[in-house]
Amino acid sequence: MEIFLKILLVICSLGLIGVVLLQRGKSAGLSGAISGGAEHLFGKQKARGLDLFLQRLTIGLAVGFFVLALVVAYVVKA
């Protein structure tokens, strides 16, 4: 049981890393800070569906990682 939970924790952490790396940055450094107002003013279209999906997946994986980390710590200690 302990090994299964640890493997699941590693899979969840790798998934979380991958999803975070796939997300688009909110501002692209200094150029994003300068042109950020213009993008909002003129309405730059983004792939909102994919961004929303990646945000929700990140939240789900983060909660799963946190819960799994607590469960693994409890099982190893017991």
N, C-alpha and C. Protein backbone atom coordinates (compact mmCIF):
# COMPACT_ATOMS: atom_id res chain seq x y z
N MET A 1 0.82 -1.19 0.00
CA MET A 1 0.00 0.00 0.00
C MET A 1 0.87 1.26 0.00
N GLU A 2 1.94 1.21 0.79
CA GLU A 2 2.83 2.36 0.89
C GLU A 2 3.51 2.65 -0.45
N ILE A 3 3.96 1.60 -1.11
CA ILE A 3 4.65 1.77 -2.40
C ILE A 3 3.67 2.31 -3.45
N PHE A 4 2.43 1.81 -3.45
CA PHE A 4 1.43 2.29 -4.39
C PHE A 4 1.16 3.77 -4.20
N LEU A 5 1.03 4.21 -2.94
CA LEU A 5 0.78 5.62 -2.67
C LEU A 5 1.97 6.50 -3.07
N LYS A 6 3.18 6.00 -2.87
CA LYS A 6 4.36 6.77 -3.27
C LYS A 6 4.44 6.90 -4.79
N ILE A 7 4.13 5.82 -5.51
CA ILE A 7 4.13 5.87 -6.97
C ILE A 7 3.06 6.85 -7.45
N LEU A 8 1.90 6.81 -6.82
CA LEU A 8 0.81 7.73 -7.18
C LEU A 8 1.21 9.18 -6.91
N LEU A 9 1.95 9.41 -5.83
CA LEU A 9 2.42 10.75 -5.49
C LEU A 9 3.43 11.25 -6.53
N VAL A 10 4.32 10.38 -6.98
CA VAL A 10 5.29 10.76 -8.00
C VAL A 10 4.59 11.07 -9.32
N ILE A 11 3.61 10.26 -9.70
CA ILE A 11 2.86 10.50 -10.94
C ILE A 11 2.10 11.83 -10.85
N CYS A 12 1.51 12.10 -9.70
CA CYS A 12 0.78 13.35 -9.50
C CYS A 12 1.73 14.55 -9.56
N SER A 13 2.90 14.43 -8.97
CA SER A 13 3.86 15.54 -8.99
C SER A 13 4.39 15.79 -10.39
N LEU A 14 4.66 14.73 -11.16
CA LEU A 14 5.12 14.91 -12.53
C LEU A 14 4.02 15.53 -13.40
N GLY A 15 2.79 15.13 -13.17
CA GLY A 15 1.67 15.72 -13.89
C GLY A 15 1.51 17.19 -13.56
N LEU A 16 1.67 17.53 -12.29
CA LEU A 16 1.57 18.93 -11.87
C LEU A 16 2.67 19.77 -12.51
N ILE A 17 3.89 19.25 -12.55
CA ILE A 17 4.99 19.97 -13.19
C ILE A 17 4.71 20.17 -14.67
N GLY A 18 4.23 19.14 -15.33
CA GLY A 18 3.93 19.24 -16.76
C GLY A 18 2.83 20.24 -17.06
N VAL A 19 1.78 20.23 -16.26
CA VAL A 19 0.67 21.15 -16.50
C VAL A 19 1.09 22.59 -16.25
N VAL A 20 1.89 22.82 -15.24
CA VAL A 20 2.35 24.18 -14.96
C VAL A 20 3.25 24.68 -16.10
N LEU A 21 4.09 23.80 -16.64
CA LEU A 21 4.95 24.21 -17.73
C LEU A 21 4.17 24.46 -19.03
N LEU A 22 3.03 23.82 -19.19
CA LEU A 22 2.22 24.01 -20.39
C LEU A 22 1.44 25.32 -20.38
N GLN A 23 1.26 25.91 -19.21
CA GLN A 23 0.46 27.12 -19.12
C GLN A 23 1.18 28.30 -19.72
N ARG A 24 0.38 29.19 -20.28
CA ARG A 24 0.90 30.41 -20.88
C ARG A 24 1.13 31.43 -19.77
N GLY A 25 2.22 32.17 -19.86
CA GLY A 25 2.53 33.20 -18.87
C GLY A 25 1.55 34.36 -18.96
N LYS A 26 1.24 34.97 -17.83
CA LYS A 26 0.31 36.10 -17.82
C LYS A 26 0.96 37.34 -18.40
N SER A 27 2.25 37.51 -18.21
CA SER A 27 2.96 38.62 -18.83
C SER A 27 4.32 38.09 -19.27
N ALA A 28 4.76 38.52 -20.42
CA ALA A 28 6.02 38.03 -20.97
C ALA A 28 7.15 38.98 -20.59
N GLY A 29 7.43 39.08 -19.33
CA GLY A 29 8.52 39.91 -18.85
C GLY A 29 8.22 41.39 -19.01
N LEU A 30 9.25 42.15 -19.41
CA LEU A 30 9.12 43.60 -19.54
C LEU A 30 8.21 43.97 -20.71
N SER A 31 8.27 43.20 -21.80
CA SER A 31 7.40 43.52 -22.93
C SER A 31 5.94 43.29 -22.58
N GLY A 32 5.66 42.31 -21.75
CA GLY A 32 4.29 42.09 -21.30
C GLY A 32 3.80 43.20 -20.39
N ALA A 33 4.70 43.76 -19.61
CA ALA A 33 4.32 44.85 -18.73
C ALA A 33 4.03 46.12 -19.51
N ILE A 34 4.78 46.33 -20.60
CA ILE A 34 4.58 47.54 -21.40
C ILE A 34 3.32 47.42 -22.26
N SER A 35 3.16 46.28 -22.93
CA SER A 35 2.03 46.14 -23.85
C SER A 35 0.80 45.52 -23.18
N GLY A 36 0.88 45.22 -21.92
CA GLY A 36 -0.25 44.58 -21.24
C GLY A 36 -1.51 45.40 -21.25
N GLY A 37 -1.39 46.71 -21.08
CA GLY A 37 -2.56 47.58 -21.10
C GLY A 37 -3.19 47.65 -22.48
N ALA A 38 -2.36 47.65 -23.51
CA ALA A 38 -2.88 47.70 -24.88
C ALA A 38 -3.64 46.44 -25.23
N GLU A 39 -3.16 45.30 -24.74
CA GLU A 39 -3.85 44.05 -25.02
C GLU A 39 -5.24 44.04 -24.41
N HIS A 40 -5.37 44.60 -23.21
CA HIS A 40 -6.68 44.65 -22.58
C HIS A 40 -7.58 45.69 -23.25
N LEU A 41 -6.98 46.77 -23.72
CA LEU A 41 -7.76 47.83 -24.35
C LEU A 41 -8.30 47.38 -25.71
N PHE A 42 -7.46 46.76 -26.50
CA PHE A 42 -7.86 46.36 -27.85
C PHE A 42 -8.40 44.94 -27.91
N GLY A 43 -8.37 44.22 -26.82
CA GLY A 43 -9.00 42.90 -26.74
C GLY A 43 -8.26 41.82 -27.50
N LYS A 44 -7.05 41.51 -27.10
CA LYS A 44 -6.30 40.42 -27.74
C LYS A 44 -6.98 39.10 -27.41
N GLN A 45 -7.28 38.32 -28.42
CA GLN A 45 -7.97 37.03 -28.22
C GLN A 45 -6.95 35.96 -27.85
N LYS A 46 -7.29 35.20 -26.82
CA LYS A 46 -6.45 34.09 -26.39
C LYS A 46 -7.28 32.82 -26.43
N ALA A 47 -6.61 31.72 -26.35
CA ALA A 47 -7.31 30.43 -26.30
C ALA A 47 -7.84 30.24 -24.89
N ARG A 48 -8.98 30.84 -24.59
CA ARG A 48 -9.52 30.82 -23.23
C ARG A 48 -9.92 29.42 -22.79
N GLY A 49 -10.40 28.61 -23.71
CA GLY A 49 -10.83 27.27 -23.32
C GLY A 49 -9.69 26.44 -22.78
N LEU A 50 -8.56 26.45 -23.48
CA LEU A 50 -7.40 25.68 -23.05
C LEU A 50 -6.81 26.24 -21.77
N ASP A 51 -6.74 27.57 -21.67
CA ASP A 51 -6.20 28.18 -20.45
C ASP A 51 -7.05 27.85 -19.23
N LEU A 52 -8.36 27.89 -19.40
CA LEU A 52 -9.26 27.57 -18.30
C LEU A 52 -9.13 26.10 -17.89
N PHE A 53 -9.01 25.22 -18.88
CA PHE A 53 -8.84 23.80 -18.59
C PHE A 53 -7.54 23.55 -17.85
N LEU A 54 -6.45 24.18 -18.29
CA LEU A 54 -5.16 23.99 -17.63
C LEU A 54 -5.17 24.55 -16.22
N GLN A 55 -5.88 25.66 -16.00
CA GLN A 55 -5.98 26.21 -14.65
C GLN A 55 -6.71 25.25 -13.72
N ARG A 56 -7.83 24.72 -14.19
CA ARG A 56 -8.60 23.79 -13.35
C ARG A 56 -7.84 22.50 -13.11
N LEU A 57 -7.12 22.02 -14.12
CA LEU A 57 -6.33 20.81 -13.96
C LEU A 57 -5.19 21.05 -12.98
N THR A 58 -4.60 22.23 -13.01
CA THR A 58 -3.54 22.56 -12.06
C THR A 58 -4.06 22.57 -10.64
N ILE A 59 -5.22 23.15 -10.43
CA ILE A 59 -5.82 23.19 -9.09
C ILE A 59 -6.12 21.77 -8.61
N GLY A 60 -6.70 20.96 -9.48
CA GLY A 60 -7.02 19.58 -9.11
C GLY A 60 -5.78 18.76 -8.76
N LEU A 61 -4.74 18.90 -9.59
CA LEU A 61 -3.50 18.17 -9.31
C LEU A 61 -2.80 18.68 -8.06
N ALA A 62 -2.88 19.98 -7.80
CA ALA A 62 -2.25 20.53 -6.60
C ALA A 62 -2.95 20.03 -5.34
N VAL A 63 -4.28 19.99 -5.37
CA VAL A 63 -5.03 19.47 -4.22
C VAL A 63 -4.73 17.98 -4.04
N GLY A 64 -4.71 17.25 -5.15
CA GLY A 64 -4.39 15.82 -5.08
C GLY A 64 -3.00 15.58 -4.54
N PHE A 65 -2.03 16.38 -4.97
CA PHE A 65 -0.66 16.25 -4.49
C PHE A 65 -0.58 16.51 -2.99
N PHE A 66 -1.26 17.56 -2.54
CA PHE A 66 -1.23 17.91 -1.12
C PHE A 66 -1.85 16.80 -0.27
N VAL A 67 -3.00 16.30 -0.69
CA VAL A 67 -3.68 15.24 0.06
C VAL A 67 -2.85 13.96 0.05
N LEU A 68 -2.30 13.61 -1.12
CA LEU A 68 -1.47 12.41 -1.19
C LEU A 68 -0.22 12.53 -0.33
N ALA A 69 0.38 13.72 -0.30
CA ALA A 69 1.57 13.92 0.54
C ALA A 69 1.23 13.71 2.01
N LEU A 70 0.08 14.21 2.44
CA LEU A 70 -0.33 14.01 3.83
C LEU A 70 -0.62 12.54 4.13
N VAL A 71 -1.28 11.86 3.19
CA VAL A 71 -1.61 10.44 3.39
C VAL A 71 -0.34 9.60 3.42
N VAL A 72 0.61 9.87 2.52
CA VAL A 72 1.87 9.12 2.52
C VAL A 72 2.64 9.36 3.81
N ALA A 73 2.67 10.60 4.27
CA ALA A 73 3.37 10.89 5.52
C ALA A 73 2.72 10.16 6.69
N TYR A 74 1.40 10.07 6.70
CA TYR A 74 0.70 9.36 7.77
C TYR A 74 0.96 7.86 7.70
N VAL A 75 0.93 7.29 6.49
CA VAL A 75 1.13 5.84 6.34
C VAL A 75 2.57 5.46 6.68
N VAL A 76 3.54 6.28 6.29
CA VAL A 76 4.94 5.97 6.60
C VAL A 76 5.19 6.07 8.09
N LYS A 77 4.58 7.04 8.75
CA LYS A 77 4.78 7.22 10.19
C LYS A 77 4.12 6.10 10.99
N ALA A 78 2.99 5.61 10.52
CA ALA A 78 2.24 4.59 11.28
C ALA A 78 2.86 3.23 11.18
